[in-house]
Amino acid sequence: MPSTGYLAAALASAATITFALRSVPFALLRPVRDSRLVGYLGTHMPAGVMVILVVYLLRDLTLDRRPYGLPEAAALLVTVGLYTW
């Protein structure tokens, strides 16, 4: 069993590394936050990501066998309905 000091040091280093990894992106984005590119990506990327996820979901859709894509269609309708609501 490791000593208490060793466990405390391991926990402190893990917390420090986690905090650093989570804060570095925000610190790096601060200078470019007002750029047109970041604004464009912030506006258009959410829709682009959703399109990629829908294409990924429907890539193996089979319409020639039962249940003829009904579960996927129902999930898509529920998602679109909740999003618009």
N, C-alpha and C. Protein backbone atom coordinates (compact mmCIF):
# COMPACT_ATOMS: atom_id res chain seq x y z
N MET A 1 0.85 -1.17 0.00
CA MET A 1 0.00 0.00 0.00
C MET A 1 0.89 1.24 0.00
N PRO A 2 0.70 2.14 -0.97
CA PRO A 2 1.51 3.36 -1.01
C PRO A 2 1.24 4.25 0.20
N SER A 3 2.21 5.06 0.50
CA SER A 3 2.07 5.95 1.65
C SER A 3 1.09 7.07 1.34
N THR A 4 0.63 7.73 2.39
CA THR A 4 -0.33 8.82 2.25
C THR A 4 0.27 9.98 1.48
N GLY A 5 1.54 10.28 1.71
CA GLY A 5 2.21 11.36 0.99
C GLY A 5 2.28 11.08 -0.50
N TYR A 6 2.57 9.82 -0.85
CA TYR A 6 2.63 9.44 -2.27
C TYR A 6 1.27 9.60 -2.93
N LEU A 7 0.22 9.14 -2.25
CA LEU A 7 -1.13 9.26 -2.81
C LEU A 7 -1.54 10.72 -2.95
N ALA A 8 -1.19 11.55 -1.97
CA ALA A 8 -1.52 12.97 -2.04
C ALA A 8 -0.78 13.64 -3.19
N ALA A 9 0.50 13.28 -3.38
CA ALA A 9 1.28 13.85 -4.49
C ALA A 9 0.71 13.40 -5.83
N ALA A 10 0.32 12.15 -5.95
CA ALA A 10 -0.26 11.65 -7.19
C ALA A 10 -1.58 12.34 -7.50
N LEU A 11 -2.40 12.52 -6.48
CA LEU A 11 -3.68 13.20 -6.66
C LEU A 11 -3.48 14.66 -7.04
N ALA A 12 -2.53 15.33 -6.39
CA ALA A 12 -2.26 16.73 -6.70
C ALA A 12 -1.72 16.90 -8.11
N SER A 13 -0.83 16.00 -8.54
CA SER A 13 -0.30 16.11 -9.90
C SER A 13 -1.37 15.80 -10.93
N ALA A 14 -2.23 14.84 -10.66
CA ALA A 14 -3.32 14.53 -11.58
C ALA A 14 -4.29 15.70 -11.69
N ALA A 15 -4.60 16.34 -10.56
CA ALA A 15 -5.50 17.49 -10.58
C ALA A 15 -4.87 18.66 -11.32
N THR A 16 -3.58 18.89 -11.13
CA THR A 16 -2.89 19.98 -11.81
C THR A 16 -2.86 19.76 -13.32
N ILE A 17 -2.55 18.55 -13.73
CA ILE A 17 -2.50 18.24 -15.17
C ILE A 17 -3.89 18.36 -15.77
N THR A 18 -4.91 17.87 -15.11
CA THR A 18 -6.28 17.97 -15.61
C THR A 18 -6.71 19.43 -15.75
N PHE A 19 -6.42 20.23 -14.74
CA PHE A 19 -6.77 21.65 -14.80
C PHE A 19 -6.03 22.34 -15.94
N ALA A 20 -4.75 22.03 -16.12
CA ALA A 20 -3.97 22.65 -17.19
C ALA A 20 -4.51 22.25 -18.56
N LEU A 21 -4.83 20.98 -18.73
CA LEU A 21 -5.33 20.52 -20.03
C LEU A 21 -6.69 21.13 -20.37
N ARG A 22 -7.49 21.40 -19.37
CA ARG A 22 -8.81 21.98 -19.62
C ARG A 22 -8.76 23.49 -19.78
N SER A 23 -7.76 24.15 -19.23
CA SER A 23 -7.71 25.61 -19.33
C SER A 23 -6.87 26.10 -20.49
N VAL A 24 -5.96 25.30 -21.00
CA VAL A 24 -5.09 25.73 -22.10
C VAL A 24 -5.89 26.11 -23.35
N PRO A 25 -6.89 25.36 -23.79
CA PRO A 25 -7.63 25.79 -24.98
C PRO A 25 -8.27 27.17 -24.83
N PHE A 26 -8.78 27.47 -23.67
CA PHE A 26 -9.39 28.79 -23.46
C PHE A 26 -8.33 29.88 -23.50
N ALA A 27 -7.18 29.61 -22.93
CA ALA A 27 -6.10 30.60 -22.95
C ALA A 27 -5.57 30.81 -24.36
N LEU A 28 -5.52 29.75 -25.16
CA LEU A 28 -5.03 29.89 -26.54
C LEU A 28 -6.05 30.58 -27.44
N LEU A 29 -7.33 30.42 -27.16
CA LEU A 29 -8.37 31.03 -28.00
C LEU A 29 -8.62 32.49 -27.67
N ARG A 30 -8.17 32.97 -26.53
CA ARG A 30 -8.44 34.35 -26.13
C ARG A 30 -7.96 35.36 -27.18
N PRO A 31 -6.76 35.26 -27.75
CA PRO A 31 -6.33 36.26 -28.73
C PRO A 31 -7.12 36.23 -30.04
N VAL A 32 -7.67 35.08 -30.42
CA VAL A 32 -8.37 34.98 -31.71
C VAL A 32 -9.88 34.95 -31.55
N ARG A 33 -10.37 35.20 -30.36
CA ARG A 33 -11.81 35.11 -30.11
C ARG A 33 -12.62 36.07 -30.98
N ASP A 34 -12.08 37.23 -31.29
CA ASP A 34 -12.80 38.22 -32.09
C ASP A 34 -12.52 38.10 -33.58
N SER A 35 -11.82 37.07 -34.01
CA SER A 35 -11.52 36.93 -35.44
C SER A 35 -12.75 36.47 -36.20
N ARG A 36 -12.76 36.76 -37.48
CA ARG A 36 -13.90 36.39 -38.32
C ARG A 36 -13.98 34.88 -38.49
N LEU A 37 -12.83 34.21 -38.55
CA LEU A 37 -12.82 32.76 -38.73
C LEU A 37 -13.47 32.05 -37.56
N VAL A 38 -13.13 32.43 -36.35
CA VAL A 38 -13.72 31.79 -35.17
C VAL A 38 -15.21 32.08 -35.10
N GLY A 39 -15.62 33.28 -35.47
CA GLY A 39 -17.04 33.60 -35.52
C GLY A 39 -17.78 32.77 -36.55
N TYR A 40 -17.16 32.59 -37.72
CA TYR A 40 -17.77 31.78 -38.77
C TYR A 40 -17.90 30.32 -38.32
N LEU A 41 -16.83 29.78 -37.73
CA LEU A 41 -16.88 28.39 -37.26
C LEU A 41 -17.91 28.22 -36.15
N GLY A 42 -18.01 29.20 -35.26
CA GLY A 42 -18.99 29.12 -34.19
C GLY A 42 -20.41 29.16 -34.70
N THR A 43 -20.62 29.83 -35.84
CA THR A 43 -21.95 29.92 -36.42
C THR A 43 -22.31 28.68 -37.23
N HIS A 44 -21.37 28.16 -38.00
CA HIS A 44 -21.69 27.10 -38.96
C HIS A 44 -21.30 25.69 -38.53
N MET A 45 -20.41 25.53 -37.59
CA MET A 45 -19.99 24.20 -37.22
C MET A 45 -21.06 23.37 -36.51
N PRO A 46 -21.91 23.92 -35.65
CA PRO A 46 -22.92 23.06 -35.02
C PRO A 46 -23.81 22.35 -36.05
N ALA A 47 -24.22 23.06 -37.09
CA ALA A 47 -25.04 22.41 -38.13
C ALA A 47 -24.21 21.38 -38.89
N GLY A 48 -22.96 21.69 -39.16
CA GLY A 48 -22.09 20.74 -39.86
C GLY A 48 -21.87 19.48 -39.06
N VAL A 49 -21.68 19.61 -37.78
CA VAL A 49 -21.49 18.44 -36.92
C VAL A 49 -22.76 17.59 -36.90
N MET A 50 -23.92 18.24 -36.83
CA MET A 50 -25.18 17.48 -36.84
C MET A 50 -25.35 16.73 -38.16
N VAL A 51 -24.99 17.34 -39.28
CA VAL A 51 -25.09 16.66 -40.57
C VAL A 51 -24.17 15.45 -40.59
N ILE A 52 -22.96 15.59 -40.10
CA ILE A 52 -22.03 14.46 -40.06
C ILE A 52 -22.58 13.34 -39.19
N LEU A 53 -23.17 13.67 -38.04
CA LEU A 53 -23.74 12.64 -37.17
C LEU A 53 -24.92 11.94 -37.82
N VAL A 54 -25.76 12.68 -38.53
CA VAL A 54 -26.90 12.05 -39.21
C VAL A 54 -26.43 11.13 -40.32
N VAL A 55 -25.45 11.56 -41.09
CA VAL A 55 -24.92 10.71 -42.15
C VAL A 55 -24.29 9.45 -41.55
N TYR A 56 -23.57 9.61 -40.46
CA TYR A 56 -22.97 8.46 -39.78
C TYR A 56 -24.05 7.50 -39.27
N LEU A 57 -25.14 8.04 -38.75
CA LEU A 57 -26.23 7.20 -38.25
C LEU A 57 -26.88 6.42 -39.39
N LEU A 58 -27.08 7.07 -40.51
CA LEU A 58 -27.84 6.46 -41.60
C LEU A 58 -26.97 5.72 -42.61
N ARG A 59 -25.69 5.57 -42.36
CA ARG A 59 -24.81 4.96 -43.35
C ARG A 59 -25.13 3.50 -43.61
N ASP A 60 -25.62 2.77 -42.63
CA ASP A 60 -25.93 1.35 -42.79
C ASP A 60 -27.43 1.09 -42.86
N LEU A 61 -28.20 2.07 -43.21
CA LEU A 61 -29.65 1.94 -43.26
C LEU A 61 -30.05 0.99 -44.39
N THR A 62 -30.86 0.00 -44.06
CA THR A 62 -31.35 -0.93 -45.07
C THR A 62 -32.85 -0.73 -45.23
N LEU A 63 -33.25 -0.40 -46.44
CA LEU A 63 -34.67 -0.17 -46.71
C LEU A 63 -35.33 -1.36 -47.38
N ASP A 64 -34.56 -2.40 -47.68
CA ASP A 64 -35.13 -3.55 -48.37
C ASP A 64 -35.51 -4.70 -47.44
N ARG A 65 -35.23 -4.58 -46.14
CA ARG A 65 -35.61 -5.60 -45.16
C ARG A 65 -36.39 -4.97 -44.03
N ARG A 66 -37.16 -5.80 -43.34
CA ARG A 66 -37.90 -5.30 -42.18
C ARG A 66 -36.92 -4.82 -41.14
N PRO A 67 -37.16 -3.82 -40.42
CA PRO A 67 -38.33 -2.96 -40.31
C PRO A 67 -38.29 -1.75 -41.25
N TYR A 68 -37.56 -1.86 -42.39
CA TYR A 68 -37.57 -0.87 -43.46
C TYR A 68 -37.16 0.53 -43.00
N GLY A 69 -36.28 0.62 -42.02
CA GLY A 69 -35.77 1.91 -41.58
C GLY A 69 -36.71 2.68 -40.66
N LEU A 70 -37.76 2.03 -40.17
CA LEU A 70 -38.71 2.73 -39.30
C LEU A 70 -38.10 3.18 -37.97
N PRO A 71 -37.25 2.40 -37.31
CA PRO A 71 -36.66 2.90 -36.06
C PRO A 71 -35.79 4.13 -36.29
N GLU A 72 -35.02 4.12 -37.37
CA GLU A 72 -34.18 5.28 -37.67
C GLU A 72 -35.02 6.49 -38.02
N ALA A 73 -36.10 6.28 -38.78
CA ALA A 73 -36.98 7.39 -39.14
C ALA A 73 -37.67 7.96 -37.90
N ALA A 74 -38.09 7.08 -37.00
CA ALA A 74 -38.73 7.55 -35.77
C ALA A 74 -37.74 8.34 -34.92
N ALA A 75 -36.52 7.85 -34.79
CA ALA A 75 -35.51 8.56 -34.01
C ALA A 75 -35.19 9.90 -34.63
N LEU A 76 -35.11 9.95 -35.95
CA LEU A 76 -34.83 11.20 -36.64
C LEU A 76 -35.97 12.20 -36.46
N LEU A 77 -37.21 11.73 -36.55
CA LEU A 77 -38.35 12.63 -36.36
C LEU A 77 -38.44 13.16 -34.93
N VAL A 78 -38.18 12.28 -33.96
CA VAL A 78 -38.21 12.72 -32.57
C VAL A 78 -37.12 13.76 -32.32
N THR A 79 -35.93 13.52 -32.85
CA THR A 79 -34.82 14.46 -32.67
C THR A 79 -35.11 15.80 -33.31
N VAL A 80 -35.60 15.78 -34.54
CA VAL A 80 -35.91 17.03 -35.23
C VAL A 80 -37.06 17.75 -34.52
N GLY A 81 -38.05 16.99 -34.08
CA GLY A 81 -39.17 17.60 -33.36
C GLY A 81 -38.75 18.26 -32.06
N LEU A 82 -37.92 17.56 -31.30
CA LEU A 82 -37.43 18.14 -30.04
C LEU A 82 -36.53 19.34 -30.29
N TYR A 83 -35.75 19.28 -31.35
CA TYR A 83 -34.85 20.41 -31.65
C TYR A 83 -35.64 21.64 -32.04
N THR A 84 -36.68 21.46 -32.84
CA THR A 84 -37.46 22.63 -33.26
C THR A 84 -38.36 23.14 -32.13
N TRP A 85 -38.75 22.24 -31.24
CA TRP A 85 -39.59 22.66 -30.11
C TRP A 85 -38.77 23.49 -29.16
